[in-house]
Amino acid sequence: MSEEQNKLVVFQEKGIRRIWHEEEWWYSVIDIVGAISESKNPRRYWSDLKRKLKKEGFGQVYEEIVQLKMEAPDGRMRETDGANTKLIFRIVQSIPSPNAEPFKQWLATLAQERIEEIENPELAAERARGYYRDLGYSEDWIAKRLQGIEIRGKLTDEWKERGVQEGKEYSILTAEISRATFGKTPSQYKDFKGLKRENLRDHMTDLELIFNMLGETATRNKAVEKDAKGFQQNRTAAVEGGKAAGAALNAFEEQTGQKVVSNKNAKLQIEEAKKAKKLAAKQKKLEEKEKAKKDKKKD
């Protein structure tokens, strides 16, 4: 899974941010509270719940909450309350909602999947492939997306080894590559495509994915070539790598007459795929009920 994909999981069509911290997943408490309670103001709900937990003698839960930087709806990295799986289970028990039990089962499944993926990394790619198929993407697009995930992983591994800090510094370097390649930062690109909290790369066309991969590959090569150390030197490599991809993009547009940067997004496709999946599940349940009735009559 990509860094972006890893940072957002979906429970009943509600996005929940998470981040890999101290060798385990930490989740946005506010996102989880919003998904389970369906409160219109999850921040206030969580604030009230924290006071309740403390009053009930569970102050330790609050003390173990960690402030972690996660991507806010405006695309910026902001600190928010994060909790690991153990803490989340305790918090969920304090939320009176019919969604609480399904959420706990869903969270347990995520934890098991992570263990399986560590033991067999190919499972992560296969799950990602299935995820994108369910959202209506073509096999060609999926192949490019998964290749982009691999390239992104190699780049962030390189940054980590060269002393770049996760979070804000990764975001800045990514923005430099994007600006030099496409003429837009990721937040500007998302605005252009009419996106908010959606994953930008999941809404790129095949061509956009190709040049995005080129920018990140060129950046990694520049970092290695220059033996870039720390944030500033890697920022220079990011700008140069992005410019190389941008020059290739301009040459492609001049030669073919095709525009690479597009305001198209996959929201309608994804929505239609989700509806089709729901209808198929509903139809399957009806067929199972009919079969059960027939079997009962036979008995």
C-alpha atoms as a PDB file:
ATOM      1  CA  MET A   1       0.000   0.000   0.000  1.00  0.00           C
ATOM      2  CA  SER A   2       1.145   3.550  -0.648  1.00  0.00           C
ATOM      3  CA  GLU A   3       2.031   6.036   2.050  1.00  0.00           C
ATOM      4  CA  GLU A   4      -1.194   7.929   1.221  1.00  0.00           C
ATOM      5  CA  GLN A   5      -3.299   4.795   1.066  1.00  0.00           C
ATOM      6  CA  ASN A   6      -1.893   3.591   4.345  1.00  0.00           C
ATOM      7  CA  LYS A   7      -2.839   6.849   6.004  1.00  0.00           C
ATOM      8  CA  LEU A   8      -6.531   6.560   5.225  1.00  0.00           C
ATOM      9  CA  VAL A   9      -8.782   3.567   5.831  1.00  0.00           C
ATOM     10  CA  VAL A  10     -12.521   3.413   5.346  1.00  0.00           C
ATOM     11  CA  PHE A  11     -15.200   2.219   7.781  1.00  0.00           C
ATOM     12  CA  GLN A  12     -18.746   2.249   6.363  1.00  0.00           C
ATOM     13  CA  GLU A  13     -17.663   4.796   3.715  1.00  0.00           C
ATOM     14  CA  LYS A  14     -16.193   7.160   6.332  1.00  0.00           C
ATOM     15  CA  GLY A  15     -12.484   7.968   6.026  1.00  0.00           C
ATOM     16  CA  ILE A  16     -10.321   7.395   9.107  1.00  0.00           C
ATOM     17  CA  ARG A  17      -6.780   8.761   9.176  1.00  0.00           C
ATOM     18  CA  ARG A  18      -3.969   6.705  10.618  1.00  0.00           C
ATOM     19  CA  ILE A  19      -0.177   6.876  10.816  1.00  0.00           C
ATOM     20  CA  TRP A  20       2.575   4.337  11.425  1.00  0.00           C
ATOM     21  CA  HIS A  21       4.127   5.397  14.738  1.00  0.00           C
ATOM     22  CA  GLU A  22       6.457   3.426  17.024  1.00  0.00           C
ATOM     23  CA  GLU A  23       5.985   0.230  14.998  1.00  0.00           C
ATOM     24  CA  GLU A  24       2.156   0.196  15.111  1.00  0.00           C
ATOM     25  CA  TRP A  25      -0.854   1.990  13.645  1.00  0.00           C
ATOM     26  CA  TRP A  26      -2.218   5.044  15.458  1.00  0.00           C
ATOM     27  CA  TYR A  27      -5.645   6.302  14.424  1.00  0.00           C
ATOM     28  CA  SER A  28      -7.309   9.703  14.494  1.00  0.00           C
ATOM     29  CA  VAL A  29      -9.611   9.562  17.517  1.00  0.00           C
ATOM     30  CA  ILE A  30     -11.826  12.350  16.172  1.00  0.00           C
ATOM     31  CA  ASP A  31     -12.350  10.474  12.881  1.00  0.00           C
ATOM     32  CA  ILE A  32     -13.311   7.300  14.757  1.00  0.00           C
ATOM     33  CA  VAL A  33     -15.639   9.132  17.130  1.00  0.00           C
ATOM     34  CA  GLY A  34     -17.305  10.777  14.130  1.00  0.00           C
ATOM     35  CA  ALA A  35     -17.692   7.462  12.282  1.00  0.00           C
ATOM     36  CA  ILE A  36     -19.171   5.585  15.245  1.00  0.00           C
ATOM     37  CA  SER A  37     -21.276   8.254  16.930  1.00  0.00           C
ATOM     38  CA  GLU A  38     -22.297   9.931  13.638  1.00  0.00           C
ATOM     39  CA  SER A  39     -22.107  13.197  15.577  1.00  0.00           C
ATOM     40  CA  LYS A  40     -22.262  16.410  13.545  1.00  0.00           C
ATOM     41  CA  ASN A  41     -19.532  17.795  15.777  1.00  0.00           C
ATOM     42  CA  PRO A  42     -17.134  14.896  16.529  1.00  0.00           C
ATOM     43  CA  ARG A  43     -14.537  17.262  18.021  1.00  0.00           C
ATOM     44  CA  ARG A  44     -17.012  18.406  20.690  1.00  0.00           C
ATOM     45  CA  TYR A  45     -18.223  14.826  21.205  1.00  0.00           C
ATOM     46  CA  TRP A  46     -14.647  13.660  21.842  1.00  0.00           C
ATOM     47  CA  SER A  47     -13.998  16.580  24.194  1.00  0.00           C
ATOM     48  CA  ASP A  48     -17.045  15.611  26.262  1.00  0.00           C
ATOM     49  CA  LEU A  49     -16.096  11.919  26.158  1.00  0.00           C
ATOM     50  CA  LYS A  50     -12.591  12.662  27.462  1.00  0.00           C
ATOM     51  CA  ARG A  51     -14.071  14.386  30.503  1.00  0.00           C
ATOM     52  CA  LYS A  52     -16.416  11.446  31.019  1.00  0.00           C
ATOM     53  CA  LEU A  53     -13.557   8.928  30.837  1.00  0.00           C
ATOM     54  CA  LYS A  54     -11.556  10.892  33.382  1.00  0.00           C
ATOM     55  CA  LYS A  55     -14.538  11.127  35.755  1.00  0.00           C
ATOM     56  CA  GLU A  56     -15.124   7.370  35.458  1.00  0.00           C
ATOM     57  CA  GLY A  57     -11.533   6.694  36.516  1.00  0.00           C
ATOM     58  CA  PHE A  58     -10.058   6.034  33.093  1.00  0.00           C
ATOM     59  CA  GLY A  59      -7.639   8.954  33.135  1.00  0.00           C
ATOM     60  CA  GLN A  60      -4.914   6.602  31.923  1.00  0.00           C
ATOM     61  CA  VAL A  61      -6.650   6.382  28.545  1.00  0.00           C
ATOM     62  CA  TYR A  62      -6.405  10.142  28.153  1.00  0.00           C
ATOM     63  CA  GLU A  63      -2.772  10.172  29.319  1.00  0.00           C
ATOM     64  CA  GLU A  64      -1.786   7.611  26.677  1.00  0.00           C
ATOM     65  CA  ILE A  65      -3.320   9.617  23.826  1.00  0.00           C
ATOM     66  CA  VAL A  66      -0.541  11.008  21.591  1.00  0.00           C
ATOM     67  CA  GLN A  67      -0.613  14.199  19.529  1.00  0.00           C
ATOM     68  CA  LEU A  68       0.352  13.171  15.993  1.00  0.00           C
ATOM     69  CA  LYS A  69       0.485  15.093  12.739  1.00  0.00           C
ATOM     70  CA  MET A  70      -2.058  13.895  10.206  1.00  0.00           C
ATOM     71  CA  GLU A  71      -3.364  15.484   7.033  1.00  0.00           C
ATOM     72  CA  ALA A  72      -6.274  17.834   7.747  1.00  0.00           C
ATOM     73  CA  PRO A  73      -9.137  18.452   5.270  1.00  0.00           C
ATOM     74  CA  ASP A  74      -7.256  21.518   3.968  1.00  0.00           C
ATOM     75  CA  GLY A  75      -4.312  19.308   2.986  1.00  0.00           C
ATOM     76  CA  ARG A  76      -2.016  20.574   5.736  1.00  0.00           C
ATOM     77  CA  MET A  77      -0.364  18.414   8.375  1.00  0.00           C
ATOM     78  CA  ARG A  78      -1.907  19.266  11.749  1.00  0.00           C
ATOM     79  CA  GLU A  79      -1.615  17.696  15.184  1.00  0.00           C
ATOM     80  CA  THR A  80      -4.583  15.657  16.336  1.00  0.00           C
ATOM     81  CA  ASP A  81      -5.310  13.126  19.077  1.00  0.00           C
ATOM     82  CA  GLY A  82      -4.043   9.685  18.050  1.00  0.00           C
ATOM     83  CA  ALA A  83      -4.608   6.318  19.711  1.00  0.00           C
ATOM     84  CA  ASN A  84      -3.298   2.828  19.035  1.00  0.00           C
ATOM     85  CA  THR A  85      -5.527  -0.210  18.622  1.00  0.00           C
ATOM     86  CA  LYS A  86      -5.614  -1.021  22.340  1.00  0.00           C
ATOM     87  CA  LEU A  87      -6.705   2.514  23.294  1.00  0.00           C
ATOM     88  CA  ILE A  88      -9.244   2.677  20.481  1.00  0.00           C
ATOM     89  CA  PHE A  89     -10.992  -0.455  21.752  1.00  0.00           C
ATOM     90  CA  ARG A  90     -11.330   1.169  25.191  1.00  0.00           C
ATOM     91  CA  ILE A  91     -12.651   4.424  23.743  1.00  0.00           C
ATOM     92  CA  VAL A  92     -15.158   2.654  21.501  1.00  0.00           C
ATOM     93  CA  GLN A  93     -16.620   0.814  24.513  1.00  0.00           C
ATOM     94  CA  SER A  94     -17.644   4.214  25.919  1.00  0.00           C
ATOM     95  CA  ILE A  95     -19.604   5.245  22.827  1.00  0.00           C
ATOM     96  CA  PRO A  96     -23.271   4.132  22.926  1.00  0.00           C
ATOM     97  CA  SER A  97     -23.880   3.337  19.266  1.00  0.00           C
ATOM     98  CA  PRO A  98     -24.978   0.352  17.148  1.00  0.00           C
ATOM     99  CA  ASN A  99     -21.837   1.050  15.088  1.00  0.00           C
ATOM    100  CA  ALA A 100     -19.517   0.243  18.007  1.00  0.00           C
ATOM    101  CA  GLU A 101     -19.510  -3.551  17.664  1.00  0.00           C
ATOM    102  CA  PRO A 102     -19.126  -3.597  13.841  1.00  0.00           C
ATOM    103  CA  PHE A 103     -16.273  -1.117  14.246  1.00  0.00           C
ATOM    104  CA  LYS A 104     -14.445  -3.337  16.749  1.00  0.00           C
ATOM    105  CA  GLN A 105     -14.743  -6.286  14.379  1.00  0.00           C
ATOM    106  CA  TRP A 106     -13.478  -4.128  11.509  1.00  0.00           C
ATOM    107  CA  LEU A 107     -10.515  -2.887  13.578  1.00  0.00           C
ATOM    108  CA  ALA A 108      -9.610  -6.445  14.594  1.00  0.00           C
ATOM    109  CA  THR A 109      -9.624  -7.431  10.915  1.00  0.00           C
ATOM    110  CA  LEU A 110      -7.249  -4.558  10.078  1.00  0.00           C
ATOM    111  CA  ALA A 111      -4.866  -5.673  12.808  1.00  0.00           C
ATOM    112  CA  GLN A 112      -4.877  -9.254  11.507  1.00  0.00           C
ATOM    113  CA  GLU A 113      -4.319  -8.089   7.929  1.00  0.00           C
ATOM    114  CA  ARG A 114      -1.296  -6.063   9.032  1.00  0.00           C
ATOM    115  CA  ILE A 115       0.256  -9.152  10.656  1.00  0.00           C
ATOM    116  CA  GLU A 116      -0.360 -11.171   7.482  1.00  0.00           C
ATOM    117  CA  GLU A 117       1.150  -8.442   5.276  1.00  0.00           C
ATOM    118  CA  ILE A 118       4.319  -8.310   7.383  1.00  0.00           C
ATOM    119  CA  GLU A 119       4.691 -12.075   6.949  1.00  0.00           C
ATOM    120  CA  ASN A 120       3.815 -11.917   3.222  1.00  0.00           C
ATOM    121  CA  PRO A 121       4.242  -8.433   1.607  1.00  0.00           C
ATOM    122  CA  GLU A 122       2.571  -9.601  -1.626  1.00  0.00           C
ATOM    123  CA  LEU A 123      -0.738  -9.680   0.233  1.00  0.00           C
ATOM    124  CA  ALA A 124      -0.659  -5.885   0.618  1.00  0.00           C
ATOM    125  CA  ALA A 125      -0.382  -5.415  -3.161  1.00  0.00           C
ATOM    126  CA  GLU A 126      -3.105  -7.986  -3.830  1.00  0.00           C
ATOM    127  CA  ARG A 127      -5.461  -6.305  -1.350  1.00  0.00           C
ATOM    128  CA  ALA A 128      -4.754  -2.937  -2.957  1.00  0.00           C
ATOM    129  CA  ARG A 129      -5.503  -4.455  -6.382  1.00  0.00           C
ATOM    130  CA  GLY A 130      -8.832  -5.807  -5.127  1.00  0.00           C
ATOM    131  CA  TYR A 131      -9.659  -2.483  -3.486  1.00  0.00           C
ATOM    132  CA  TYR A 132      -9.178  -0.593  -6.767  1.00  0.00           C
ATOM    133  CA  ARG A 133     -11.090  -3.192  -8.783  1.00  0.00           C
ATOM    134  CA  ASP A 134     -14.030  -2.735  -6.434  1.00  0.00           C
ATOM    135  CA  LEU A 135     -13.905   1.000  -7.164  1.00  0.00           C
ATOM    136  CA  GLY A 136     -14.238   0.449 -10.906  1.00  0.00           C
ATOM    137  CA  TYR A 137     -10.667   1.081 -12.063  1.00  0.00           C
ATOM    138  CA  SER A 138      -9.268  -0.626 -15.162  1.00  0.00           C
ATOM    139  CA  GLU A 139      -6.484  -3.212 -14.904  1.00  0.00           C
ATOM    140  CA  ASP A 140      -4.106  -0.899 -16.821  1.00  0.00           C
ATOM    141  CA  TRP A 141      -4.744   1.953 -14.390  1.00  0.00           C
ATOM    142  CA  ILE A 142      -4.340  -0.364 -11.395  1.00  0.00           C
ATOM    143  CA  ALA A 143      -0.985  -1.604 -12.720  1.00  0.00           C
ATOM    144  CA  LYS A 144       0.277   1.981 -12.971  1.00  0.00           C
ATOM    145  CA  ARG A 145      -1.109   2.883  -9.553  1.00  0.00           C
ATOM    146  CA  LEU A 146       0.619  -0.064  -7.890  1.00  0.00           C
ATOM    147  CA  GLN A 147       3.850   0.742  -9.689  1.00  0.00           C
ATOM    148  CA  GLY A 148       3.524   4.303  -8.379  1.00  0.00           C
ATOM    149  CA  ILE A 149       3.054   2.942  -4.862  1.00  0.00           C
ATOM    150  CA  GLU A 150       6.316   1.011  -5.157  1.00  0.00           C
ATOM    151  CA  ILE A 151       8.187   4.042  -6.510  1.00  0.00           C
ATOM    152  CA  ARG A 152       6.812   6.270  -3.756  1.00  0.00           C
ATOM    153  CA  GLY A 153       7.912   3.742  -1.142  1.00  0.00           C
ATOM    154  CA  LYS A 154      11.458   3.681  -2.531  1.00  0.00           C
ATOM    155  CA  LEU A 155      11.573   7.487  -2.489  1.00  0.00           C
ATOM    156  CA  THR A 156      10.384   7.841   1.103  1.00  0.00           C
ATOM    157  CA  ASP A 157      12.817   5.095   2.176  1.00  0.00           C
ATOM    158  CA  GLU A 158      15.592   7.119   0.544  1.00  0.00           C
ATOM    159  CA  TRP A 159      14.456  10.297   2.309  1.00  0.00           C
ATOM    160  CA  LYS A 160      14.387   8.525   5.636  1.00  0.00           C
ATOM    161  CA  GLU A 161      17.933   7.221   5.181  1.00  0.00           C
ATOM    162  CA  ARG A 162      19.095  10.716   4.197  1.00  0.00           C
ATOM    163  CA  GLY A 163      17.753  12.397   7.323  1.00  0.00           C
ATOM    164  CA  VAL A 164      14.457  13.825   6.080  1.00  0.00           C
ATOM    165  CA  GLN A 165      11.780  13.862   8.793  1.00  0.00           C
ATOM    166  CA  GLU A 166       8.390  12.232   8.172  1.00  0.00           C
ATOM    167  CA  GLY A 167       5.361  14.501   8.200  1.00  0.00           C
ATOM    168  CA  LYS A 168       5.916  18.142   7.335  1.00  0.00           C
ATOM    169  CA  GLU A 169       9.263  17.681   5.555  1.00  0.00           C
ATOM    170  CA  TYR A 170       7.908  14.830   3.408  1.00  0.00           C
ATOM    171  CA  SER A 171       4.907  17.031   2.529  1.00  0.00           C
ATOM    172  CA  ILE A 172       7.120  19.955   1.515  1.00  0.00           C
ATOM    173  CA  LEU A 173       9.355  17.793  -0.679  1.00  0.00           C
ATOM    174  CA  THR A 174       6.306  16.178  -2.289  1.00  0.00           C
ATOM    175  CA  ALA A 175       4.885  19.636  -2.989  1.00  0.00           C
ATOM    176  CA  GLU A 176       8.169  20.712  -4.615  1.00  0.00           C
ATOM    177  CA  ILE A 177       8.136  17.702  -6.954  1.00  0.00           C
ATOM    178  CA  SER A 178       4.492  18.277  -7.859  1.00  0.00           C
ATOM    179  CA  ARG A 179       4.944  22.012  -8.450  1.00  0.00           C
ATOM    180  CA  ALA A 180       7.951  21.463 -10.709  1.00  0.00           C
ATOM    181  CA  THR A 181       6.316  18.579 -12.592  1.00  0.00           C
ATOM    182  CA  PHE A 182       2.713  19.741 -12.975  1.00  0.00           C
ATOM    183  CA  GLY A 183       2.826  23.437 -12.053  1.00  0.00           C
ATOM    184  CA  LYS A 184       0.642  22.752  -9.015  1.00  0.00           C
ATOM    185  CA  THR A 185       1.190  21.700  -5.410  1.00  0.00           C
ATOM    186  CA  PRO A 186      -0.902  18.709  -4.258  1.00  0.00           C
ATOM    187  CA  SER A 187      -3.389  21.004  -2.474  1.00  0.00           C
ATOM    188  CA  GLN A 188      -3.757  23.163  -5.606  1.00  0.00           C
ATOM    189  CA  TYR A 189      -4.095  20.023  -7.709  1.00  0.00           C
ATOM    190  CA  LYS A 190      -6.868  18.722  -5.446  1.00  0.00           C
ATOM    191  CA  ASP A 191      -8.722  22.039  -5.709  1.00  0.00           C
ATOM    192  CA  PHE A 192      -8.351  21.874  -9.508  1.00  0.00           C
ATOM    193  CA  LYS A 193      -9.906  18.402  -9.542  1.00  0.00           C
ATOM    194  CA  GLY A 194     -12.659  19.313  -7.081  1.00  0.00           C
ATOM    195  CA  LEU A 195     -11.293  17.066  -4.322  1.00  0.00           C
ATOM    196  CA  LYS A 196     -11.226  17.558  -0.564  1.00  0.00           C
ATOM    197  CA  ARG A 197     -10.136  14.651   1.635  1.00  0.00           C
ATOM    198  CA  GLU A 198      -9.858  12.226  -1.257  1.00  0.00           C
ATOM    199  CA  ASN A 199      -6.495  10.740  -2.217  1.00  0.00           C
ATOM    200  CA  LEU A 200      -5.180  12.820  -5.141  1.00  0.00           C
ATOM    201  CA  ARG A 201      -3.364   9.918  -6.799  1.00  0.00           C
ATOM    202  CA  ASP A 202      -6.543   7.839  -6.808  1.00  0.00           C
ATOM    203  CA  HIS A 203      -8.046  10.530  -9.019  1.00  0.00           C
ATOM    204  CA  MET A 204      -5.168  10.906 -11.464  1.00  0.00           C
ATOM    205  CA  THR A 205      -5.437   9.780 -15.071  1.00  0.00           C
ATOM    206  CA  ASP A 206      -3.008   7.235 -16.519  1.00  0.00           C
ATOM    207  CA  LEU A 207      -0.844  10.042 -17.945  1.00  0.00           C
ATOM    208  CA  GLU A 208      -0.783  11.938 -14.664  1.00  0.00           C
ATOM    209  CA  LEU A 209       0.313   8.794 -12.836  1.00  0.00           C
ATOM    210  CA  ILE A 210       3.111   8.218 -15.361  1.00  0.00           C
ATOM    211  CA  PHE A 211       4.575  11.711 -14.981  1.00  0.00           C
ATOM    212  CA  ASN A 212       4.093  11.605 -11.222  1.00  0.00           C
ATOM    213  CA  MET A 213       6.181   8.416 -11.145  1.00  0.00           C
ATOM    214  CA  LEU A 214       8.773  10.058 -13.369  1.00  0.00           C
ATOM    215  CA  GLY A 215       9.071  13.042 -11.009  1.00  0.00           C
ATOM    216  CA  GLU A 216       9.541  10.829  -7.955  1.00  0.00           C
ATOM    217  CA  THR A 217      11.991   8.519  -9.721  1.00  0.00           C
ATOM    218  CA  ALA A 218      14.045  11.482 -10.969  1.00  0.00           C
ATOM    219  CA  THR A 219      14.047  12.969  -7.456  1.00  0.00           C
ATOM    220  CA  ARG A 220      15.347   9.749  -5.937  1.00  0.00           C
ATOM    221  CA  ASN A 221      18.046   9.502  -8.600  1.00  0.00           C
ATOM    222  CA  LYS A 222      19.104  13.114  -7.951  1.00  0.00           C
ATOM    223  CA  ALA A 223      19.291  12.499  -4.202  1.00  0.00           C
ATOM    224  CA  VAL A 224      21.534   9.473  -4.760  1.00  0.00           C
ATOM    225  CA  GLU A 225      23.641  11.233  -7.395  1.00  0.00           C
ATOM    226  CA  LYS A 226      24.239  14.267  -5.155  1.00  0.00           C
ATOM    227  CA  ASP A 227      24.412  12.183  -1.964  1.00  0.00           C
ATOM    228  CA  ALA A 228      21.895  14.652  -0.516  1.00  0.00           C
ATOM    229  CA  LYS A 229      21.890  14.915   3.272  1.00  0.00           C
ATOM    230  CA  GLY A 230      19.110  16.436   5.354  1.00  0.00           C
ATOM    231  CA  PHE A 231      16.070  18.430   4.361  1.00  0.00           C
ATOM    232  CA  GLN A 232      17.570  21.330   2.393  1.00  0.00           C
ATOM    233  CA  GLN A 233      19.773  19.231   0.115  1.00  0.00           C
ATOM    234  CA  ASN A 234      16.907  16.834  -0.565  1.00  0.00           C
ATOM    235  CA  ARG A 235      14.660  19.810  -1.287  1.00  0.00           C
ATOM    236  CA  THR A 236      17.088  20.861  -4.016  1.00  0.00           C
ATOM    237  CA  ALA A 237      17.027  17.297  -5.390  1.00  0.00           C
ATOM    238  CA  ALA A 238      13.194  17.340  -5.316  1.00  0.00           C
ATOM    239  CA  VAL A 239      13.050  20.574  -7.323  1.00  0.00           C
ATOM    240  CA  GLU A 240      15.559  19.257  -9.869  1.00  0.00           C
ATOM    241  CA  GLY A 241      13.803  15.901 -10.151  1.00  0.00           C
ATOM    242  CA  GLY A 242      10.455  17.606 -10.602  1.00  0.00           C
ATOM    243  CA  LYS A 243      11.875  19.940 -13.248  1.00  0.00           C
ATOM    244  CA  ALA A 244      13.219  16.969 -15.216  1.00  0.00           C
ATOM    245  CA  ALA A 245       9.749  15.390 -15.197  1.00  0.00           C
ATOM    246  CA  GLY A 246       8.162  18.752 -16.017  1.00  0.00           C
ATOM    247  CA  ALA A 247      10.422  19.149 -19.055  1.00  0.00           C
ATOM    248  CA  ALA A 248       9.443  15.663 -20.245  1.00  0.00           C
ATOM    249  CA  LEU A 249       5.766  16.527 -19.698  1.00  0.00           C
ATOM    250  CA  ASN A 250       6.089  19.710 -21.782  1.00  0.00           C
ATOM    251  CA  ALA A 251       7.862  17.802 -24.566  1.00  0.00           C
ATOM    252  CA  PHE A 252       5.127  15.148 -24.554  1.00  0.00           C
ATOM    253  CA  GLU A 253       2.379  17.774 -24.828  1.00  0.00           C
ATOM    254  CA  GLU A 254       4.156  19.537 -27.692  1.00  0.00           C
ATOM    255  CA  GLN A 255       4.718  16.294 -29.600  1.00  0.00           C
ATOM    256  CA  THR A 256       1.255  14.806 -29.100  1.00  0.00           C
ATOM    257  CA  GLY A 257      -1.018  17.796 -28.587  1.00  0.00           C
ATOM    258  CA  GLN A 258      -2.414  16.047 -25.485  1.00  0.00           C
ATOM    259  CA  LYS A 259      -2.751  17.839 -22.167  1.00  0.00           C
ATOM    260  CA  VAL A 260      -1.453  15.859 -19.214  1.00  0.00           C
ATOM    261  CA  VAL A 261      -2.835  17.855 -16.289  1.00  0.00           C
ATOM    262  CA  SER A 262      -6.568  17.194 -16.128  1.00  0.00           C
ATOM    263  CA  ASN A 263      -9.409  18.401 -13.927  1.00  0.00           C
ATOM    264  CA  LYS A 264     -11.046  14.986 -14.263  1.00  0.00           C
ATOM    265  CA  ASN A 265     -11.609  12.952 -11.115  1.00  0.00           C
ATOM    266  CA  ALA A 266     -12.926   9.472 -10.417  1.00  0.00           C
ATOM    267  CA  LYS A 267     -15.659  10.468  -7.949  1.00  0.00           C
ATOM    268  CA  LEU A 268     -18.567   9.521 -10.218  1.00  0.00           C
ATOM    269  CA  GLN A 269     -16.906   6.231 -11.179  1.00  0.00           C
ATOM    270  CA  ILE A 270     -16.270   5.384  -7.522  1.00  0.00           C
ATOM    271  CA  GLU A 271     -19.818   6.305  -6.503  1.00  0.00           C
ATOM    272  CA  GLU A 272     -21.293   4.138  -9.274  1.00  0.00           C
ATOM    273  CA  ALA A 273     -19.025   1.231  -8.296  1.00  0.00           C
ATOM    274  CA  LYS A 274     -20.104   1.513  -4.649  1.00  0.00           C
ATOM    275  CA  LYS A 275     -23.785   1.553  -5.648  1.00  0.00           C
ATOM    276  CA  ALA A 276     -23.297  -1.499  -7.855  1.00  0.00           C
ATOM    277  CA  LYS A 277     -21.534  -3.314  -5.023  1.00  0.00           C
ATOM    278  CA  LYS A 278     -24.372  -2.510  -2.602  1.00  0.00           C
ATOM    279  CA  LEU A 279     -26.981  -3.686  -5.096  1.00  0.00           C
ATOM    280  CA  ALA A 280     -25.040  -6.902  -5.704  1.00  0.00           C
ATOM    281  CA  ALA A 281     -24.789  -7.536  -1.952  1.00  0.00           C
ATOM    282  CA  LYS A 282     -28.506  -6.840  -1.537  1.00  0.00           C
ATOM    283  CA  GLN A 283     -29.353  -9.171  -4.407  1.00  0.00           C
ATOM    284  CA  LYS A 284     -27.151 -11.883  -2.931  1.00  0.00           C
ATOM    285  CA  LYS A 285     -28.951 -11.625   0.422  1.00  0.00           C
ATOM    286  CA  LEU A 286     -32.343 -11.893  -1.291  1.00  0.00           C
ATOM    287  CA  GLU A 287     -31.200 -14.965  -3.215  1.00  0.00           C
ATOM    288  CA  GLU A 288     -29.892 -16.543  -0.014  1.00  0.00           C
ATOM    289  CA  LYS A 289     -33.232 -15.883   1.709  1.00  0.00           C
ATOM    290  CA  GLU A 290     -35.139 -17.404  -1.207  1.00  0.00           C
ATOM    291  CA  LYS A 291     -32.876 -20.430  -1.182  1.00  0.00           C
ATOM    292  CA  ALA A 292     -33.354 -20.808   2.579  1.00  0.00           C
ATOM    293  CA  LYS A 293     -37.162 -20.683   2.122  1.00  0.00           C
ATOM    294  CA  LYS A 294     -37.056 -23.332  -0.613  1.00  0.00           C
ATOM    295  CA  ASP A 295     -34.797 -25.578   1.483  1.00  0.00           C
ATOM    296  CA  LYS A 296     -37.187 -25.202   4.420  1.00  0.00           C
ATOM    297  CA  LYS A 297     -40.155 -26.208   2.271  1.00  0.00           C
ATOM    298  CA  LYS A 298     -38.268 -29.291   1.068  1.00  0.00           C
ATOM    299  CA  ASP A 299     -37.685 -30.321   4.683  1.00  0.00           C
END
